[in-house]
Amino acid sequence: MPDRTDPTHPMHPMHPTAGLSRRSVTRAAVATGLAALVGAATTGTAGATGRRSPVGRTRTSRAATAPAARTVTRLGPRTLDVSLPSAALGRNATVRLILPSSFAAQPARTYPVLYLLHGAHDDYTSWTRETDIEAFTAGRELIVAMPDAGPTGIPTAWRNGPDYETFQIREVPALLARDYRASGVRVVAGVSTGGYGAMAHAARHPGTFAAAASYSGILDTTAPGVPTLMDAIVARENLTPLSLWGNPILNVLTWRDFNPRSRAAGLRGTALYVSSGSGVIGGTGDWLPEALESALWPSAHAFTDTLALLRVPVTTHFYAGGGHSWAYWKREFTASWPMLAGALGVPA
């Protein structure tokens, strides 16, 4: 993979994407992307792939229930769903696991863990539903963990609500270490709001993950228009927007505390991959998913620009066009895999 951390490389975060004006892309994001996202949040328009995109997939809000006993549902030779009682959430929550091919044959062996985070209005089944992650990891000797992040897919400590950050950062790893022989080596990757989670987790908990990758993630939550975007995601699940981090002006310190860009210094020493498309500008006319992607383009650039100022290395892929959909995220996961595999210590 080319070294995009070189400032002279055309894909370096400080280098304009070929043929595109940063100003024109930003204008497109403000004029069309944000409006489309808010519209998708209220109408549920389908995305380009025939399924609803993570910002347009219909989910019903679920009320919290008292935690129950842990249950395990076997889905295949290597794949299982574990429903575990979570003190952080006040209810049971599920993590889907894909175990290594040698798990039963080598009972004394420990394994590194690849965490894969889902996007908004989706759930922990998305990575096995939308990708070939089960076949892809066969023989690679790692555990894949896909934890629940709730209906909004924002894995954070809500101001008035559940603490998905603790669930994903503390409770799930404790389960894996205790019952599934997970080692201390972890990497994390996510799409859309899961891309936010990947970078926020790694930045807020330095050293927890050896690598982090974001595909079309929300990486500067205080950038112009982005608080409105976050409110739309929350409101679409019939939740009060202020229940996330409060008011973005009155509670600006909380918003900054959970902002990957504001916490970027915590990513020093973590291998990083960030990808995002320009969407409408340079796109093919698939308007809604491209407009959604446009809305996140400035946020991704602000994040990687900050990394560059801090001299924190990052591999970036900022591409012309592209939609907010799995067709692009599957490609970007494959592109980032050599970095993730190197951090995990498994073959690429």
Protein backbone atom coordinates (compact mmCIF):
# COMPACT_ATOMS: atom_id res chain seq x y z
CA MET A 1 0.00 0.00 0.00
CA PRO A 2 1.41 3.42 -0.84
CA ASP A 3 2.66 5.51 2.08
CA ARG A 4 0.03 8.23 2.34
CA THR A 5 1.65 9.67 5.47
CA ASP A 6 4.14 11.44 3.18
CA PRO A 7 3.02 15.09 2.83
CA THR A 8 3.91 14.99 -0.87
CA HIS A 9 1.60 12.04 -1.52
CA PRO A 10 -1.64 13.07 -3.27
CA MET A 11 -3.71 11.26 -0.65
CA HIS A 12 -1.97 12.85 2.35
CA PRO A 13 -4.51 14.63 4.59
CA MET A 14 -2.88 18.01 3.91
CA HIS A 15 -2.96 17.48 0.15
CA PRO A 16 -6.13 18.38 -1.84
CA THR A 17 -7.81 15.44 -3.54
CA ALA A 18 -6.99 15.44 -7.21
CA GLY A 19 -9.44 17.45 -9.27
CA LEU A 20 -11.46 18.62 -6.28
CA SER A 21 -11.59 21.88 -4.38
CA ARG A 22 -11.88 21.49 -0.60
CA ARG A 23 -14.09 24.59 -0.60
CA SER A 24 -16.41 23.22 -3.26
CA VAL A 25 -16.75 19.90 -1.46
CA THR A 26 -17.50 21.68 1.82
CA ARG A 27 -20.15 23.79 0.10
CA ALA A 28 -21.70 20.62 -1.31
CA ALA A 29 -21.75 19.04 2.13
CA VAL A 30 -23.52 22.03 3.65
CA ALA A 31 -25.93 22.55 0.75
CA THR A 32 -26.91 18.96 0.06
CA GLY A 33 -25.32 16.41 2.32
CA LEU A 34 -26.64 17.61 5.64
CA ALA A 35 -30.10 18.27 4.23
CA ALA A 36 -30.15 14.76 2.80
CA LEU A 37 -29.06 13.23 6.06
CA VAL A 38 -31.76 15.00 8.01
CA GLY A 39 -34.27 13.99 5.35
CA ALA A 40 -33.12 10.37 5.51
CA ALA A 41 -33.45 10.47 9.27
CA THR A 42 -37.11 11.39 8.97
CA THR A 43 -38.16 9.50 5.84
CA GLY A 44 -35.93 6.41 5.81
CA THR A 45 -35.03 6.62 2.11
CA ALA A 46 -33.27 3.49 0.90
CA GLY A 47 -29.57 3.58 0.05
CA ALA A 48 -27.72 2.59 -3.09
CA THR A 49 -27.24 -1.07 -2.30
CA GLY A 50 -30.93 -1.96 -2.10
CA ARG A 51 -30.70 -2.14 1.70
CA ARG A 52 -31.19 0.89 3.87
CA SER A 53 -27.92 2.65 4.48
CA PRO A 54 -26.83 3.02 8.12
CA VAL A 55 -28.46 6.45 8.23
CA GLY A 56 -31.65 5.20 6.59
CA ARG A 57 -32.25 1.77 8.08
CA THR A 58 -35.42 1.52 10.11
CA ARG A 59 -35.07 0.33 13.67
CA THR A 60 -37.48 0.42 16.60
CA SER A 61 -36.19 1.87 19.87
CA ARG A 62 -35.97 -0.72 22.61
CA ALA A 63 -36.68 0.04 26.22
CA ALA A 64 -34.05 -0.92 28.77
CA THR A 65 -34.73 -4.11 30.71
CA ALA A 66 -33.12 -5.64 33.76
CA PRO A 67 -30.00 -7.69 32.91
CA ALA A 68 -30.59 -11.43 32.71
CA ALA A 69 -28.24 -14.41 32.73
CA ARG A 70 -25.70 -14.75 29.94
CA THR A 71 -26.85 -16.84 26.98
CA VAL A 72 -24.98 -18.20 23.98
CA THR A 73 -26.57 -18.93 20.60
CA ARG A 74 -24.49 -20.97 18.18
CA LEU A 75 -24.97 -19.78 14.57
CA GLY A 76 -22.34 -21.88 12.84
CA PRO A 77 -19.09 -23.80 13.42
CA ARG A 78 -17.22 -20.60 14.35
CA THR A 79 -19.94 -17.96 14.82
CA LEU A 80 -22.02 -17.34 17.92
CA ASP A 81 -24.04 -14.61 19.61
CA VAL A 82 -23.35 -13.97 23.28
CA SER A 83 -25.98 -12.03 25.21
CA LEU A 84 -24.31 -10.76 28.37
CA PRO A 85 -25.67 -8.80 31.32
CA SER A 86 -24.26 -5.28 31.20
CA ALA A 87 -24.10 -3.00 34.23
CA ALA A 88 -23.15 -0.14 31.90
CA LEU A 89 -26.35 -0.54 29.88
CA GLY A 90 -28.70 -1.79 32.56
CA ARG A 91 -29.78 -4.67 30.35
CA ASN A 92 -28.44 -7.59 28.38
CA ALA A 93 -26.63 -6.75 25.15
CA THR A 94 -25.23 -8.93 22.41
CA VAL A 95 -21.82 -9.34 20.90
CA ARG A 96 -21.46 -11.54 17.82
CA LEU A 97 -18.23 -13.54 17.81
CA ILE A 98 -16.32 -15.38 15.12
CA LEU A 99 -13.86 -17.75 16.76
CA PRO A 100 -10.53 -18.88 15.27
CA SER A 101 -10.44 -22.05 13.22
CA SER A 102 -8.10 -23.66 15.77
CA PHE A 103 -10.06 -22.59 18.86
CA ALA A 104 -11.26 -26.07 19.89
CA ALA A 105 -8.08 -27.90 18.85
CA GLN A 106 -5.70 -25.60 20.77
CA PRO A 107 -7.28 -25.05 24.21
CA ALA A 108 -4.20 -23.37 25.69
CA ARG A 109 -3.75 -20.79 22.94
CA THR A 110 -4.76 -17.13 23.23
CA TYR A 111 -5.85 -14.99 20.29
CA PRO A 112 -5.83 -11.31 19.26
CA VAL A 113 -9.18 -9.60 18.69
CA LEU A 114 -10.54 -7.62 15.75
CA TYR A 115 -13.43 -5.41 16.88
CA LEU A 116 -15.86 -4.39 14.12
CA LEU A 117 -18.39 -1.64 14.91
CA HIS A 118 -21.70 -1.11 13.12
CA GLY A 119 -23.25 2.12 11.87
CA ALA A 120 -26.39 4.08 12.71
CA HIS A 121 -29.83 2.43 12.56
CA ASP A 122 -28.17 -0.96 12.19
CA ASP A 123 -26.96 -3.59 14.65
CA TYR A 124 -24.26 -6.09 15.57
CA THR A 125 -25.30 -8.42 12.70
CA SER A 126 -24.29 -5.96 9.98
CA TRP A 127 -20.73 -7.13 9.38
CA THR A 128 -21.74 -10.78 8.87
CA ARG A 129 -24.80 -9.72 6.85
CA GLU A 130 -23.01 -7.30 4.52
CA THR A 131 -19.52 -8.81 4.20
CA ASP A 132 -17.75 -12.15 3.95
CA ILE A 133 -15.92 -11.60 7.25
CA GLU A 134 -16.48 -15.20 8.35
CA ALA A 135 -14.80 -16.67 5.26
CA PHE A 136 -12.20 -13.89 5.19
CA THR A 137 -10.93 -14.66 8.69
CA ALA A 138 -10.93 -18.46 8.33
CA GLY A 139 -7.45 -19.75 9.11
CA ARG A 140 -6.16 -16.36 10.26
CA GLU A 141 -6.25 -17.27 13.95
CA LEU A 142 -7.98 -14.29 15.52
CA ILE A 143 -11.26 -13.56 17.26
CA VAL A 144 -13.71 -11.19 15.58
CA ALA A 145 -15.99 -9.31 17.99
CA MET A 146 -19.00 -7.31 16.75
CA PRO A 147 -20.62 -5.66 19.79
CA ASP A 148 -23.98 -3.95 20.01
CA ALA A 149 -23.89 -0.13 19.98
CA GLY A 150 -27.61 0.50 20.26
CA PRO A 151 -29.99 1.72 17.55
CA THR A 152 -28.05 4.94 16.86
CA GLY A 153 -24.76 3.07 16.51
CA ILE A 154 -23.01 5.79 18.55
CA PRO A 155 -20.88 3.80 21.05
CA THR A 156 -20.45 6.45 23.69
CA ALA A 157 -21.33 7.26 27.28
CA TRP A 158 -24.67 9.01 26.86
CA ARG A 159 -25.36 12.01 29.10
CA ASN A 160 -28.81 10.68 29.98
CA GLY A 161 -28.77 7.05 28.99
CA PRO A 162 -26.64 3.95 28.46
CA ASP A 163 -22.84 3.75 28.46
CA TYR A 164 -21.93 1.88 25.28
CA GLU A 165 -18.31 2.99 25.61
CA THR A 166 -17.87 1.01 28.83
CA PHE A 167 -19.76 -1.93 27.36
CA GLN A 168 -17.43 -2.10 24.36
CA ILE A 169 -14.18 -1.06 26.06
CA ARG A 170 -14.49 -2.89 29.40
CA GLU A 171 -17.29 -5.43 29.58
CA VAL A 172 -16.90 -7.18 26.21
CA PRO A 173 -13.07 -7.47 26.50
CA ALA A 174 -13.47 -8.90 30.01
CA LEU A 175 -15.85 -11.54 28.65
CA LEU A 176 -13.47 -12.42 25.83
CA ALA A 177 -10.44 -12.68 28.12
CA ARG A 178 -12.31 -14.79 30.66
CA ASP A 179 -14.24 -17.18 28.44
CA TYR A 180 -12.72 -17.08 24.95
CA ARG A 181 -8.97 -16.81 25.56
CA ALA A 182 -8.52 -13.36 24.10
CA SER A 183 -5.04 -11.91 24.40
CA GLY A 184 -4.38 -8.26 25.14
CA VAL A 185 -3.83 -7.45 21.45
CA ARG A 186 -6.79 -5.59 19.95
CA VAL A 187 -7.61 -3.53 16.88
CA VAL A 188 -10.86 -1.74 16.03
CA ALA A 189 -12.58 -0.70 12.80
CA GLY A 190 -16.00 0.73 12.06
CA VAL A 191 -18.33 2.20 9.47
CA SER A 192 -20.19 5.51 9.76
CA THR A 193 -20.99 6.06 13.46
CA GLY A 194 -18.93 2.93 14.09
CA GLY A 195 -16.02 4.74 12.44
CA TYR A 196 -16.60 7.46 15.03
CA GLY A 197 -16.50 4.78 17.71
CA ALA A 198 -13.26 3.26 16.44
CA MET A 199 -11.39 6.57 16.60
CA ALA A 200 -13.09 7.82 19.78
CA HIS A 201 -12.34 4.59 21.65
CA ALA A 202 -8.70 4.56 20.54
CA ALA A 203 -8.21 8.27 21.28
CA ARG A 204 -9.96 8.28 24.66
CA HIS A 205 -8.23 5.07 25.80
CA PRO A 206 -4.64 5.32 24.53
CA GLY A 207 -2.88 1.99 24.18
CA THR A 208 -6.08 -0.09 24.30
CA PHE A 209 -5.98 -0.71 20.54
CA ALA A 210 -2.89 -1.32 18.45
CA ALA A 211 -4.69 -0.01 15.35
CA ALA A 212 -7.91 1.80 14.46
CA ALA A 213 -9.69 2.24 11.11
CA SER A 214 -12.62 4.46 10.16
CA TYR A 215 -14.63 4.11 6.97
CA SER A 216 -16.83 7.20 6.36
CA GLY A 217 -16.77 7.95 10.07
CA ILE A 218 -17.91 11.07 11.95
CA LEU A 219 -14.51 12.23 13.14
CA ASP A 220 -15.07 15.84 14.17
CA THR A 221 -18.35 16.01 16.04
CA THR A 222 -18.18 19.79 16.57
CA ALA A 223 -17.53 20.72 12.92
CA PRO A 224 -20.14 23.02 11.33
CA GLY A 225 -23.35 21.11 10.74
CA VAL A 226 -22.22 17.93 12.48
CA PRO A 227 -24.10 18.50 15.78
CA THR A 228 -27.28 18.80 13.69
CA LEU A 229 -26.33 15.57 11.96
CA MET A 230 -25.87 13.82 15.31
CA ASP A 231 -29.20 15.21 16.54
CA ALA A 232 -30.91 13.80 13.45
CA ILE A 233 -29.48 10.34 14.04
CA VAL A 234 -30.62 10.38 17.67
CA ALA A 235 -34.06 11.83 16.90
CA ARG A 236 -34.73 9.21 14.25
CA GLU A 237 -34.73 6.60 17.01
CA ASN A 238 -37.33 8.62 18.94
CA LEU A 239 -34.69 9.66 21.47
CA THR A 240 -34.12 13.15 22.84
CA PRO A 241 -31.07 14.69 21.12
CA LEU A 242 -29.91 16.30 24.37
CA SER A 243 -29.66 12.82 25.91
CA LEU A 244 -26.49 12.18 23.89
CA TRP A 245 -23.99 14.80 25.17
CA GLY A 246 -26.31 17.66 26.04
CA ASN A 247 -26.46 20.95 24.17
CA PRO A 248 -23.47 21.41 21.82
CA ILE A 249 -23.06 25.03 23.00
CA LEU A 250 -23.99 24.88 26.67
CA ASN A 251 -22.24 21.52 27.11
CA VAL A 252 -19.37 22.19 24.73
CA LEU A 253 -16.77 20.64 27.06
CA THR A 254 -18.64 17.34 27.01
CA TRP A 255 -18.91 17.45 23.22
CA ARG A 256 -15.19 18.10 22.98
CA ASP A 257 -14.37 15.32 25.42
CA PHE A 258 -16.07 12.77 23.17
CA ASN A 259 -14.77 14.29 19.91
CA PRO A 260 -12.07 12.23 18.13
CA ARG A 261 -10.52 15.39 16.70
CA SER A 262 -10.22 17.02 20.13
CA ARG A 263 -8.69 13.84 21.56
CA ALA A 264 -6.41 13.17 18.59
CA ALA A 265 -3.19 13.39 20.63
CA GLY A 266 -4.27 10.17 22.34
CA LEU A 267 -3.83 8.35 19.02
CA ARG A 268 -0.05 8.71 19.02
CA GLY A 269 1.47 5.26 18.73
CA THR A 270 -1.71 3.71 17.26
CA ALA A 271 -1.67 2.63 13.61
CA LEU A 272 -4.46 4.57 11.86
CA TYR A 273 -6.47 4.33 8.65
CA VAL A 274 -9.10 6.88 7.58
CA SER A 275 -11.15 6.78 4.39
CA SER A 276 -13.96 8.98 3.11
CA GLY A 277 -15.49 9.92 -0.23
CA SER A 278 -16.34 13.36 -1.59
CA GLY A 279 -19.83 12.12 -2.45
CA VAL A 280 -21.78 14.49 -4.69
CA ILE A 281 -18.71 16.28 -6.08
CA GLY A 282 -17.09 13.74 -8.38
CA GLY A 283 -19.93 11.27 -7.90
CA THR A 284 -22.00 9.30 -10.38
CA GLY A 285 -25.41 10.82 -9.62
CA ASP A 286 -26.55 8.30 -7.00
CA TRP A 287 -27.75 11.30 -5.08
CA LEU A 288 -28.77 10.23 -1.57
CA PRO A 289 -25.83 8.00 -0.51
CA GLU A 290 -23.42 10.42 -2.19
CA ALA A 291 -24.98 13.41 -0.40
CA LEU A 292 -24.69 11.57 2.90
CA GLU A 293 -21.02 10.92 2.21
CA SER A 294 -20.50 14.61 1.33
CA ALA A 295 -21.83 15.58 4.75
CA LEU A 296 -18.96 13.75 6.46
CA TRP A 297 -16.14 14.77 4.12
CA PRO A 298 -15.18 18.04 5.92
CA SER A 299 -15.25 16.31 9.30
CA ALA A 300 -12.83 13.60 8.13
CA HIS A 301 -10.45 16.18 6.67
CA ALA A 302 -10.51 18.30 9.83
CA PHE A 303 -9.58 15.20 11.83
CA THR A 304 -6.68 14.15 9.61
CA ASP A 305 -5.46 17.74 9.34
CA THR A 306 -5.24 17.80 13.13
CA LEU A 307 -3.32 14.53 13.12
CA ALA A 308 -0.89 16.05 10.64
CA LEU A 309 -0.36 19.11 12.87
CA LEU A 310 0.31 16.78 15.80
CA ARG A 311 2.66 14.69 13.64
CA VAL A 312 0.60 11.58 14.31
CA PRO A 313 0.98 9.26 11.28
CA VAL A 314 -2.18 8.16 9.48
CA THR A 315 -2.87 6.32 6.26
CA THR A 316 -5.67 8.08 4.40
CA HIS A 317 -7.77 7.36 1.35
CA PHE A 318 -9.85 10.35 0.32
CA TYR A 319 -11.50 9.42 -2.95
CA ALA A 320 -13.65 11.26 -5.49
CA GLY A 321 -17.35 10.45 -5.37
CA GLY A 322 -18.44 7.44 -3.38
CA GLY A 323 -21.58 6.77 -1.40
CA HIS A 324 -22.31 6.15 2.26
CA SER A 325 -22.74 2.42 1.73
CA TRP A 326 -21.20 -1.02 2.17
CA ALA A 327 -20.07 -1.16 -1.46
CA TYR A 328 -17.32 1.31 -0.52
CA TRP A 329 -16.76 0.19 3.06
CA LYS A 330 -16.00 -3.41 2.04
CA ARG A 331 -13.36 -2.11 -0.35
CA GLU A 332 -11.87 0.12 2.33
CA PHE A 333 -11.74 -2.68 4.88
CA THR A 334 -9.77 -4.76 2.40
CA ALA A 335 -7.43 -1.83 1.75
CA SER A 336 -6.84 -1.33 5.48
CA TRP A 337 -6.43 -5.02 6.26
CA PRO A 338 -2.60 -5.15 5.90
CA MET A 339 -2.34 -2.45 8.59
CA LEU A 340 -4.84 -4.19 10.86
CA ALA A 341 -3.24 -7.59 10.30
CA GLY A 342 0.21 -6.22 11.10
CA ALA A 343 -1.05 -4.81 14.40
CA LEU A 344 -2.80 -8.11 15.19
CA GLY A 345 0.28 -10.15 14.30
CA VAL A 346 -1.61 -12.36 11.81
CA PRO A 347 -0.98 -12.95 8.09
CA ALA A 348 -2.28 -10.28 5.74
